[in-house]
Amino acid sequence: MLTLDNLHLQLGDFRLEADLAITTGARVALMGPSGAGKTTLLSAIAGFLAPRSGRILWNGADITATPPGERPLSILFQDQNLFPHLTVAQNIGLGLDPKLRLSAPDRDRIEATLTRVGLTGLGPRKPAQLSGGQQSRVALARALLRARPMLLLDEPFAALGPALKGEMLALCAEMAREQGTTVLMVSHDPQDARALCPETVLVAEGRALAPQPTGALLDDPPPVLAEYLGQTRRGQV
């Protein structure tokens, strides 16, 4: 379980509070107005931003001061963070060993993962030789190969077309179920949230609220979310 225990974040004049828990294996969207702090919250969980106060716990263990590389998670950004001078197989292999000291079994695992994400035979290519969708699959394959308990998604598929984005979200959901991964996804698209995340954390007005059922929240959003989504609430004209 991921617990944000009375967490207070501050960046200049910006402040965000979170006091909530996310069940192990849950898939949770972070939604709210632009600038509300969704990526900020993800950055704190990943270890890139130290909280002003409060704690971040994973299965009861305090990881608030744990360096990013030692936290039980992987994170995917929109830019995929692939190294252009490395091959696809090497980029994925970084998930096993940052120095790429890979054994024969490691290379077998990489090939199996390439096949799993629909990139069979593309291991020798460089990222620039791939389409945007294929690059997304490489980044996802690297994260999945690490098999960390948490996967943080900061809109890594936002630049993809609707059909390809849908494929990537479905693949994330499938792999998360197989591995029991806890997924947190920053999203501006309600359809993405519905597709991947049964629960949603609303981030707005300086607070990250406890997870709520995604369908119910989006079907009848509170005013701050309804305004952001351009929806009219029930009973309003």
Protein backbone atom coordinates (compact mmCIF):
# COMPACT_ATOMS: atom_id res chain seq x y z
CA MET A 1 0.00 0.00 0.00
CA LEU A 2 1.15 3.53 -0.82
CA THR A 3 0.41 5.97 2.00
CA LEU A 4 0.81 9.74 1.82
CA ASP A 5 0.78 10.62 5.49
CA ASN A 6 -0.13 14.27 6.05
CA LEU A 7 2.12 15.20 3.14
CA HIS A 8 2.77 18.88 2.48
CA LEU A 9 4.53 19.99 -0.70
CA GLN A 10 5.70 23.51 -1.51
CA LEU A 11 7.26 25.09 -4.59
CA GLY A 12 7.55 28.86 -4.13
CA ASP A 13 4.01 30.09 -3.46
CA PHE A 14 2.47 26.80 -4.57
CA ARG A 15 1.30 24.39 -1.86
CA LEU A 16 -0.29 20.96 -2.02
CA GLU A 17 -1.54 18.69 0.75
CA ALA A 18 -2.21 14.96 0.55
CA ASP A 19 -3.36 12.56 3.25
CA LEU A 20 -4.49 9.37 1.56
CA ALA A 21 -3.76 5.70 0.88
CA ILE A 22 -3.70 3.72 -2.37
CA THR A 23 -4.21 -0.03 -2.23
CA THR A 24 -1.53 -2.32 -3.60
CA GLY A 25 -2.35 -3.27 -7.19
CA ALA A 26 -4.75 -0.37 -7.69
CA ARG A 27 -4.71 1.66 -10.92
CA VAL A 28 -5.35 5.29 -10.05
CA ALA A 29 -5.60 8.42 -12.21
CA LEU A 30 -4.51 11.82 -10.95
CA MET A 31 -6.89 14.39 -12.43
CA GLY A 32 -7.58 18.06 -11.89
CA PRO A 33 -7.12 21.52 -13.38
CA SER A 34 -3.85 22.49 -15.04
CA GLY A 35 -1.36 23.67 -12.46
CA ALA A 36 -3.18 21.95 -9.60
CA GLY A 37 -0.14 19.82 -8.72
CA LYS A 38 -0.63 16.43 -10.37
CA THR A 39 2.92 16.16 -11.70
CA THR A 40 4.24 17.74 -8.51
CA LEU A 41 2.64 14.96 -6.48
CA LEU A 42 4.05 12.31 -8.80
CA SER A 43 7.51 13.91 -8.50
CA ALA A 44 7.35 13.74 -4.72
CA ILE A 45 6.36 10.06 -4.78
CA ALA A 46 9.23 9.38 -7.20
CA GLY A 47 11.69 11.18 -4.94
CA PHE A 48 12.47 14.17 -7.16
CA LEU A 49 10.85 16.64 -4.77
CA ALA A 50 11.36 16.63 -1.02
CA PRO A 51 8.19 17.35 0.97
CA ARG A 52 8.00 20.25 3.36
CA SER A 53 6.52 17.87 5.93
CA GLY A 54 4.77 14.53 6.19
CA ARG A 55 5.76 11.06 5.04
CA ILE A 56 5.58 8.76 2.04
CA LEU A 57 5.17 5.11 3.01
CA TRP A 58 5.27 1.93 0.94
CA ASN A 59 3.86 -1.11 2.73
CA GLY A 60 4.49 0.66 6.03
CA ALA A 61 8.14 1.50 5.31
CA ASP A 62 9.04 5.19 5.28
CA ILE A 63 10.61 6.03 1.88
CA THR A 64 10.38 9.83 2.26
CA ALA A 65 14.17 10.23 2.24
CA THR A 66 14.96 7.28 -0.04
CA PRO A 67 16.88 8.32 -3.20
CA PRO A 68 14.83 8.08 -6.43
CA GLY A 69 16.81 5.17 -7.83
CA GLU A 70 16.22 3.11 -4.71
CA ARG A 71 12.46 3.57 -4.53
CA PRO A 72 10.19 0.64 -5.44
CA LEU A 73 8.93 2.25 -8.63
CA SER A 74 9.44 3.04 -12.28
CA ILE A 75 8.29 6.24 -13.98
CA LEU A 76 7.41 7.01 -17.58
CA PHE A 77 7.47 10.58 -18.88
CA GLN A 78 5.94 12.00 -22.05
CA ASP A 79 9.37 12.29 -23.70
CA GLN A 80 10.00 8.54 -23.09
CA ASN A 81 13.58 9.26 -21.86
CA LEU A 82 15.21 6.95 -24.40
CA PHE A 83 18.94 7.26 -25.13
CA PRO A 84 19.42 7.93 -28.85
CA HIS A 85 22.92 6.43 -29.04
CA LEU A 86 21.76 3.07 -27.62
CA THR A 87 19.85 0.37 -29.43
CA VAL A 88 16.31 -0.56 -28.49
CA ALA A 89 17.58 -3.69 -26.72
CA GLN A 90 20.17 -1.64 -24.79
CA ASN A 91 17.59 0.97 -23.78
CA ILE A 92 15.41 -1.81 -22.41
CA GLY A 93 18.43 -3.50 -20.80
CA LEU A 94 19.00 -0.41 -18.67
CA GLY A 95 16.02 -1.60 -16.68
CA LEU A 96 18.07 -4.61 -15.60
CA ASP A 97 21.53 -3.04 -15.22
CA PRO A 98 22.37 0.65 -15.69
CA LYS A 99 25.88 -0.42 -16.79
CA LEU A 100 24.45 -2.89 -19.33
CA ARG A 101 26.40 -5.82 -17.96
CA LEU A 102 23.86 -8.27 -19.28
CA SER A 103 24.00 -12.04 -19.07
CA ALA A 104 22.58 -14.45 -21.64
CA PRO A 105 19.43 -14.93 -19.51
CA ASP A 106 19.10 -11.13 -19.33
CA ARG A 107 19.22 -10.87 -23.11
CA ASP A 108 16.62 -13.62 -23.35
CA ARG A 109 14.36 -11.64 -21.02
CA ILE A 110 14.82 -8.54 -23.17
CA GLU A 111 13.84 -10.44 -26.31
CA ALA A 112 10.82 -11.91 -24.56
CA THR A 113 9.76 -8.45 -23.41
CA LEU A 114 10.19 -7.04 -26.92
CA THR A 115 7.86 -9.75 -28.17
CA ARG A 116 5.43 -9.04 -25.33
CA VAL A 117 5.06 -5.40 -26.34
CA GLY A 118 4.90 -6.10 -30.09
CA LEU A 119 8.49 -5.16 -31.03
CA THR A 120 9.86 -8.53 -32.11
CA GLY A 121 13.08 -8.17 -34.11
CA LEU A 122 13.52 -4.45 -33.44
CA GLY A 123 16.16 -4.80 -30.70
CA PRO A 124 19.11 -3.72 -32.91
CA ARG A 125 17.45 -0.49 -34.07
CA LYS A 126 18.05 2.98 -32.61
CA PRO A 127 15.10 4.98 -31.20
CA ALA A 128 15.21 7.43 -34.12
CA GLN A 129 14.40 4.53 -36.46
CA LEU A 130 11.12 3.87 -34.65
CA SER A 131 7.72 5.49 -34.82
CA GLY A 132 6.38 7.42 -31.83
CA GLY A 133 4.19 4.50 -30.87
CA GLN A 134 7.11 2.09 -31.04
CA GLN A 135 9.22 4.39 -28.88
CA SER A 136 6.42 4.39 -26.31
CA ARG A 137 6.47 0.61 -26.32
CA VAL A 138 10.23 0.59 -25.73
CA ALA A 139 9.88 2.88 -22.71
CA LEU A 140 7.04 0.76 -21.36
CA ALA A 141 9.03 -2.44 -21.96
CA ARG A 142 11.93 -1.07 -19.92
CA ALA A 143 9.63 -0.17 -17.05
CA LEU A 144 7.90 -3.56 -17.15
CA LEU A 145 11.20 -5.42 -17.25
CA ARG A 146 12.21 -3.71 -14.02
CA ALA A 147 9.05 -5.18 -12.46
CA ARG A 148 8.94 -2.60 -9.66
CA PRO A 149 5.84 -2.62 -7.45
CA MET A 150 4.76 0.87 -8.57
CA LEU A 151 4.50 2.39 -12.05
CA LEU A 152 4.10 6.16 -12.33
CA LEU A 153 2.84 7.51 -15.65
CA ASP A 154 3.21 11.22 -16.40
CA GLU A 155 1.14 11.29 -19.60
CA PRO A 156 3.64 9.17 -21.58
CA PHE A 157 1.12 8.48 -24.35
CA ALA A 158 -0.35 11.97 -24.71
CA ALA A 159 1.26 12.58 -28.12
CA LEU A 160 -0.13 9.37 -29.63
CA GLY A 161 -3.27 9.12 -31.74
CA PRO A 162 -6.45 7.82 -30.12
CA ALA A 163 -6.20 4.25 -31.46
CA LEU A 164 -2.53 3.79 -30.55
CA LYS A 165 -3.03 5.43 -27.17
CA GLY A 166 -5.85 3.00 -26.50
CA GLU A 167 -3.56 0.07 -27.34
CA MET A 168 -0.87 1.34 -24.96
CA LEU A 169 -3.35 1.88 -22.11
CA ALA A 170 -4.74 -1.62 -22.63
CA LEU A 171 -1.22 -3.06 -22.59
CA CYS A 172 -0.44 -1.17 -19.36
CA ALA A 173 -3.59 -2.51 -17.74
CA GLU A 174 -2.85 -6.07 -18.84
CA MET A 175 0.75 -6.03 -17.62
CA ALA A 176 -0.20 -4.32 -14.35
CA ARG A 177 -2.75 -7.04 -13.64
CA GLU A 178 -0.22 -9.77 -14.41
CA GLN A 179 2.48 -8.25 -12.17
CA GLY A 180 0.21 -6.83 -9.45
CA THR A 181 1.62 -3.37 -10.13
CA THR A 182 0.24 -0.27 -8.46
CA VAL A 183 -0.25 2.34 -11.20
CA LEU A 184 -0.59 6.11 -10.79
CA MET A 185 -1.28 8.04 -13.99
CA VAL A 186 -1.41 11.80 -14.45
CA SER A 187 -4.16 12.41 -16.99
CA HIS A 188 -5.99 15.32 -18.61
CA ASP A 189 -8.22 13.02 -20.62
CA PRO A 190 -11.25 11.49 -18.88
CA GLN A 191 -11.40 8.72 -21.48
CA ASP A 192 -7.83 7.66 -20.62
CA ALA A 193 -8.73 7.61 -16.94
CA ARG A 194 -11.80 5.46 -17.62
CA ALA A 195 -9.78 3.09 -19.81
CA LEU A 196 -6.95 2.38 -17.36
CA CYS A 197 -7.91 3.48 -13.87
CA PRO A 198 -10.91 2.26 -11.86
CA GLU A 199 -10.07 4.92 -9.25
CA THR A 200 -9.15 8.59 -9.47
CA VAL A 201 -7.49 11.05 -7.10
CA LEU A 202 -8.83 14.55 -7.63
CA VAL A 203 -6.06 17.16 -7.30
CA ALA A 204 -7.51 20.64 -6.94
CA GLU A 205 -7.51 23.74 -4.76
CA GLY A 206 -4.34 22.77 -2.93
CA ARG A 207 -5.37 19.23 -1.99
CA ALA A 208 -5.14 15.70 -3.34
CA LEU A 209 -8.28 13.90 -2.20
CA ALA A 210 -8.68 10.21 -1.37
CA PRO A 211 -9.25 7.88 -4.37
CA GLN A 212 -12.81 7.74 -5.70
CA PRO A 213 -14.43 5.48 -8.30
CA THR A 214 -13.49 6.98 -11.65
CA GLY A 215 -16.85 6.42 -13.32
CA ALA A 216 -18.86 8.03 -10.54
CA LEU A 217 -16.49 11.01 -10.29
CA LEU A 218 -16.53 11.72 -14.01
CA ASP A 219 -20.27 11.12 -14.38
CA ASP A 220 -21.03 13.71 -11.72
CA PRO A 221 -17.89 15.80 -11.22
CA PRO A 222 -17.56 18.48 -8.53
CA PRO A 223 -17.63 22.07 -9.83
CA VAL A 224 -13.84 22.49 -10.02
CA LEU A 225 -13.47 19.37 -12.15
CA ALA A 226 -16.60 20.01 -14.21
CA GLU A 227 -15.33 23.46 -15.14
CA TYR A 228 -11.93 22.08 -16.12
CA LEU A 229 -13.50 19.35 -18.25
CA GLY A 230 -15.92 21.82 -19.84
CA GLN A 231 -18.95 19.95 -18.50
CA THR A 232 -22.22 21.21 -17.08
CA ARG A 233 -23.17 19.60 -13.81
CA ARG A 234 -26.52 17.94 -13.34
CA GLY A 235 -29.25 20.41 -12.53
CA GLN A 236 -27.41 23.30 -14.18
CA VAL A 237 -28.54 24.93 -17.40
